[in-house]
Protein backbone atom coordinates (compact mmCIF):
# COMPACT_ATOMS: atom_id res chain seq x y z
CA MET A 1 94.20 101.49 97.29
CA LEU A 2 94.06 100.35 100.36
CA ASP A 3 95.60 97.34 99.63
CA LEU A 4 98.01 99.43 97.86
CA LEU A 5 98.86 102.19 101.43
CA ALA A 6 98.37 99.20 103.68
CA ASN A 7 102.04 97.75 102.49
CA LYS A 8 104.96 97.92 104.49
CA TRP A 9 107.26 99.16 101.87
CA THR A 10 104.80 101.62 100.28
CA ALA A 11 104.22 103.17 103.98
CA LEU A 12 107.47 103.84 104.49
CA ALA A 13 108.65 104.96 100.37
CA ILE A 14 106.13 107.49 100.96
CA GLY A 15 107.19 108.72 104.32
CA ALA A 16 110.47 108.76 102.72
CA LEU A 17 109.13 110.72 99.89
CA GLU A 18 107.61 113.59 102.62
CA ASP A 19 110.83 115.38 102.19
CA GLY A 20 111.54 115.87 98.64
CA PRO A 21 112.21 114.15 95.39
CA LEU A 22 115.21 111.60 95.99
CA ARG A 23 116.75 109.08 94.00
CA PHE A 24 116.11 105.48 93.51
CA GLY A 25 119.13 104.64 95.05
CA GLU A 26 118.90 107.13 98.21
CA LEU A 27 115.46 105.45 98.49
CA LYS A 28 117.37 102.46 99.24
CA ARG A 29 119.53 103.24 100.92
CA THR A 30 116.93 105.50 103.71
CA LEU A 31 114.52 101.97 103.95
CA GLU A 32 117.13 99.63 105.15
CA GLY A 33 115.96 95.77 103.62
CA VAL A 34 114.18 96.55 100.93
CA THR A 35 115.02 95.21 98.06
CA PRO A 36 115.75 96.64 94.19
CA LYS A 37 113.19 94.52 93.69
CA VAL A 38 111.00 94.85 95.49
CA LEU A 39 111.28 98.72 95.72
CA SER A 40 110.45 99.04 92.07
CA ALA A 41 107.62 97.56 92.45
CA THR A 42 106.55 99.47 95.11
CA LEU A 43 107.42 102.62 93.42
CA LYS A 44 105.65 101.12 89.88
CA ARG A 45 102.96 100.16 92.40
CA LEU A 46 102.92 103.80 93.43
CA GLU A 47 103.11 105.67 90.47
CA ALA A 48 100.30 104.06 89.21
CA ALA A 49 97.88 104.85 91.10
CA SER A 50 99.38 108.46 90.38
CA LEU A 51 100.87 108.41 94.39
CA VAL A 52 104.85 109.06 92.78
CA ASP A 53 105.89 110.71 89.89
CA ARG A 54 109.03 109.40 88.19
CA VAL A 55 110.92 112.06 86.79
CA VAL A 56 113.43 111.27 83.42
CA PHE A 57 116.17 113.69 83.23
CA ALA A 58 118.32 113.43 79.54
CA GLU A 59 121.50 113.33 81.16
CA VAL A 60 124.69 110.40 81.05
CA PRO A 61 123.92 108.43 83.11
CA LEU A 62 120.23 109.04 83.20
CA ARG A 63 119.16 110.18 86.56
CA VAL A 64 115.56 109.09 88.00
CA GLU A 65 113.99 110.66 90.21
CA TYR A 66 110.87 110.10 92.74
CA SER A 67 109.16 112.11 94.13
CA LEU A 68 105.16 112.97 96.22
CA THR A 69 102.26 114.05 93.63
CA PRO A 70 99.34 116.01 95.35
CA LEU A 71 97.38 112.59 96.03
CA GLY A 72 100.62 111.07 97.67
CA LEU A 73 101.08 114.36 99.81
CA SER A 74 97.77 113.58 100.98
CA ALA A 75 98.03 109.89 101.81
CA ALA A 76 101.77 111.42 103.56
CA SER A 77 99.29 112.12 106.56
CA PRO A 78 97.79 109.42 107.49
CA LEU A 79 100.28 107.28 106.85
CA ALA A 80 102.81 109.53 109.28
CA HIS A 81 100.49 108.74 112.22
CA LEU A 82 100.07 104.80 111.41
CA ARG A 83 103.72 104.86 111.78
CA ASN A 84 103.83 106.80 115.28
CA TRP A 85 101.52 104.50 116.56
CA VAL A 86 103.57 101.39 115.42
CA ASN A 87 106.63 102.85 116.39
CA GLU A 88 105.24 103.75 119.94
CA THR A 89 103.14 100.62 120.81
CA VAL A 90 105.77 98.28 119.48
CA THR A 91 108.26 100.39 121.61
CA GLN A 92 106.17 99.81 124.66
CA HIS A 93 105.85 96.39 124.82
């Protein structure tokens, strides 16, 4: 779990999902610089670790939304502190 949470894209994806469910394209736009392949792999790992729920809506075209589980929400707060620390430290140096 620590290996997963220490990943840059994991921390950023969890942060992006803190405000509510997002579709893949919305996540990709929010996480500037992530490739579709890396984002897909990150979301699959988060889902496998029960940090993210993936809901498929039977519509045409299919709509898929990602949201944090209660476990994912509990990880969001400490990760937010880490992201804030990194942002403050990097801007000071």
